[in-house]
Amino acid sequence: MIEYEDYGTATWRYWQKIRNEAGARGSFRDRPPLRVRARVVFERDGAVGVDGTATRLGFDGAIFVEIKDRRMQTIGVWLPPDDVWWPGQ
């Protein structure tokens, strides 16, 4: 697992494509945000478990997870439901 000292500063030097991204989609927010653990497959670092907050659910079941990680160009990513876990699941 790759670890960086500072995840807060996002600059183009650290950005990586996300290989398991589900892509943008129509969504709805039917419940409060939920703390989750997500499996994100980065272009160079491979599969990594990352903590985040699930804020939206796609009509097809995909989950939008807000993640603070310097490797990401955006505030979050749409992931398949099999790549997102939460307490009690």
C-alpha atoms as a PDB file:
ATOM      1  CA  MET A   1       0.000   0.000   0.000  1.00  0.00           C
ATOM      2  CA  ILE A   2       1.292   3.447  -0.932  1.00  0.00           C
ATOM      3  CA  GLU A   3       1.142   6.083   1.804  1.00  0.00           C
ATOM      4  CA  TYR A   4       1.827   9.787   1.534  1.00  0.00           C
ATOM      5  CA  GLU A   5       2.539  12.163   4.387  1.00  0.00           C
ATOM      6  CA  ASP A   6       0.104  14.806   3.152  1.00  0.00           C
ATOM      7  CA  TYR A   7      -3.137  13.865   1.388  1.00  0.00           C
ATOM      8  CA  GLY A   8      -4.556  17.386   1.619  1.00  0.00           C
ATOM      9  CA  THR A   9      -2.653  19.160  -1.147  1.00  0.00           C
ATOM     10  CA  ALA A  10      -3.943  18.216  -4.586  1.00  0.00           C
ATOM     11  CA  THR A  11      -1.650  19.158  -7.429  1.00  0.00           C
ATOM     12  CA  TRP A  12      -1.394  17.782 -10.945  1.00  0.00           C
ATOM     13  CA  ARG A  13       1.875  15.994 -10.059  1.00  0.00           C
ATOM     14  CA  TYR A  14       0.054  13.462  -7.866  1.00  0.00           C
ATOM     15  CA  TRP A  15      -3.107  12.956  -9.936  1.00  0.00           C
ATOM     16  CA  GLN A  16      -3.842   9.452 -11.169  1.00  0.00           C
ATOM     17  CA  LYS A  17      -6.676   8.008 -13.218  1.00  0.00           C
ATOM     18  CA  ILE A  18      -9.131   5.816 -11.339  1.00  0.00           C
ATOM     19  CA  ARG A  19      -9.548   2.471 -13.092  1.00  0.00           C
ATOM     20  CA  ASN A  20     -12.738   1.297 -11.335  1.00  0.00           C
ATOM     21  CA  GLU A  21     -14.694   4.556 -11.733  1.00  0.00           C
ATOM     22  CA  ALA A  22     -18.325   3.939 -12.708  1.00  0.00           C
ATOM     23  CA  GLY A  23     -18.685   7.266 -14.566  1.00  0.00           C
ATOM     24  CA  ALA A  24     -21.101  10.167 -14.055  1.00  0.00           C
ATOM     25  CA  ARG A  25     -24.788   9.334 -13.775  1.00  0.00           C
ATOM     26  CA  GLY A  26     -28.176  10.524 -12.617  1.00  0.00           C
ATOM     27  CA  SER A  27     -28.563  10.308  -8.864  1.00  0.00           C
ATOM     28  CA  PHE A  28     -30.642  11.050  -5.825  1.00  0.00           C
ATOM     29  CA  ARG A  29     -29.891  11.670  -2.168  1.00  0.00           C
ATOM     30  CA  ASP A  30     -32.262   9.611  -0.063  1.00  0.00           C
ATOM     31  CA  ARG A  31     -30.385   9.489   3.242  1.00  0.00           C
ATOM     32  CA  PRO A  32     -27.778  11.431   5.228  1.00  0.00           C
ATOM     33  CA  PRO A  33     -24.099  11.116   4.254  1.00  0.00           C
ATOM     34  CA  LEU A  34     -22.485   7.890   5.490  1.00  0.00           C
ATOM     35  CA  ARG A  35     -18.844   7.210   6.412  1.00  0.00           C
ATOM     36  CA  VAL A  36     -17.549   4.367   4.228  1.00  0.00           C
ATOM     37  CA  ARG A  37     -14.436   2.486   3.194  1.00  0.00           C
ATOM     38  CA  ALA A  38     -13.946   2.368  -0.577  1.00  0.00           C
ATOM     39  CA  ARG A  39     -11.743   0.262  -2.833  1.00  0.00           C
ATOM     40  CA  VAL A  40     -10.199   2.624  -5.392  1.00  0.00           C
ATOM     41  CA  VAL A  41      -7.954   1.308  -8.177  1.00  0.00           C
ATOM     42  CA  PHE A  42      -5.449   4.023  -9.035  1.00  0.00           C
ATOM     43  CA  GLU A  43      -3.552   4.084 -12.316  1.00  0.00           C
ATOM     44  CA  ARG A  44      -0.084   3.702 -10.752  1.00  0.00           C
ATOM     45  CA  ASP A  45      -0.696   2.692  -7.114  1.00  0.00           C
ATOM     46  CA  GLY A  46      -3.204  -0.077  -7.842  1.00  0.00           C
ATOM     47  CA  ALA A  47      -6.048  -1.049  -5.499  1.00  0.00           C
ATOM     48  CA  VAL A  48      -6.137   0.958  -2.269  1.00  0.00           C
ATOM     49  CA  GLY A  49      -8.649   1.082   0.597  1.00  0.00           C
ATOM     50  CA  VAL A  50      -9.620   4.709   1.254  1.00  0.00           C
ATOM     51  CA  ASP A  51     -11.958   6.266   3.839  1.00  0.00           C
ATOM     52  CA  GLY A  52     -14.633   8.575   2.474  1.00  0.00           C
ATOM     53  CA  THR A  53     -18.225   9.734   2.712  1.00  0.00           C
ATOM     54  CA  ALA A  54     -21.009   8.299   0.558  1.00  0.00           C
ATOM     55  CA  THR A  55     -23.288  11.177  -0.425  1.00  0.00           C
ATOM     56  CA  ARG A  56     -25.305  10.021  -3.450  1.00  0.00           C
ATOM     57  CA  LEU A  57     -26.814   6.877  -4.873  1.00  0.00           C
ATOM     58  CA  GLY A  58     -27.124   6.406  -8.625  1.00  0.00           C
ATOM     59  CA  PHE A  59     -30.347   5.081 -10.115  1.00  0.00           C
ATOM     60  CA  ASP A  60     -28.395   1.988 -11.206  1.00  0.00           C
ATOM     61  CA  GLY A  61     -26.884   1.359  -7.736  1.00  0.00           C
ATOM     62  CA  ALA A  62     -23.516   3.117  -8.150  1.00  0.00           C
ATOM     63  CA  ILE A  63     -22.405   5.116  -5.103  1.00  0.00           C
ATOM     64  CA  PHE A  64     -20.764   8.561  -5.127  1.00  0.00           C
ATOM     65  CA  VAL A  65     -18.012   8.693  -2.500  1.00  0.00           C
ATOM     66  CA  GLU A  66     -16.337  11.966  -1.514  1.00  0.00           C
ATOM     67  CA  ILE A  67     -12.656  11.241  -0.905  1.00  0.00           C
ATOM     68  CA  LYS A  68      -9.874  13.563   0.211  1.00  0.00           C
ATOM     69  CA  ASP A  69      -6.798  12.189  -1.499  1.00  0.00           C
ATOM     70  CA  ARG A  70      -4.106  14.071  -3.397  1.00  0.00           C
ATOM     71  CA  ARG A  71      -4.163  11.448  -6.151  1.00  0.00           C
ATOM     72  CA  MET A  72      -7.695  12.486  -7.185  1.00  0.00           C
ATOM     73  CA  GLN A  73      -8.504  15.403  -9.500  1.00  0.00           C
ATOM     74  CA  THR A  74     -12.081  15.693  -8.191  1.00  0.00           C
ATOM     75  CA  ILE A  75     -13.816  15.726  -4.802  1.00  0.00           C
ATOM     76  CA  GLY A  76     -15.170  12.230  -5.267  1.00  0.00           C
ATOM     77  CA  VAL A  77     -15.828   9.306  -7.551  1.00  0.00           C
ATOM     78  CA  TRP A  78     -18.738   7.102  -8.624  1.00  0.00           C
ATOM     79  CA  LEU A  79     -17.941   3.509  -7.661  1.00  0.00           C
ATOM     80  CA  PRO A  80     -19.685   0.175  -8.192  1.00  0.00           C
ATOM     81  CA  PRO A  81     -21.551  -0.939  -5.030  1.00  0.00           C
ATOM     82  CA  ASP A  82     -19.205  -3.929  -4.569  1.00  0.00           C
ATOM     83  CA  ASP A  83     -16.310  -1.497  -3.991  1.00  0.00           C
ATOM     84  CA  VAL A  84     -17.944   0.375  -1.079  1.00  0.00           C
ATOM     85  CA  TRP A  85     -18.344  -0.892   2.521  1.00  0.00           C
ATOM     86  CA  TRP A  86     -19.885   0.665   5.626  1.00  0.00           C
ATOM     87  CA  PRO A  87     -20.414  -0.462   9.243  1.00  0.00           C
ATOM     88  CA  GLY A  88     -23.180  -3.007   9.533  1.00  0.00           C
ATOM     89  CA  GLN A  89     -23.109  -4.011   5.879  1.00  0.00           C
END
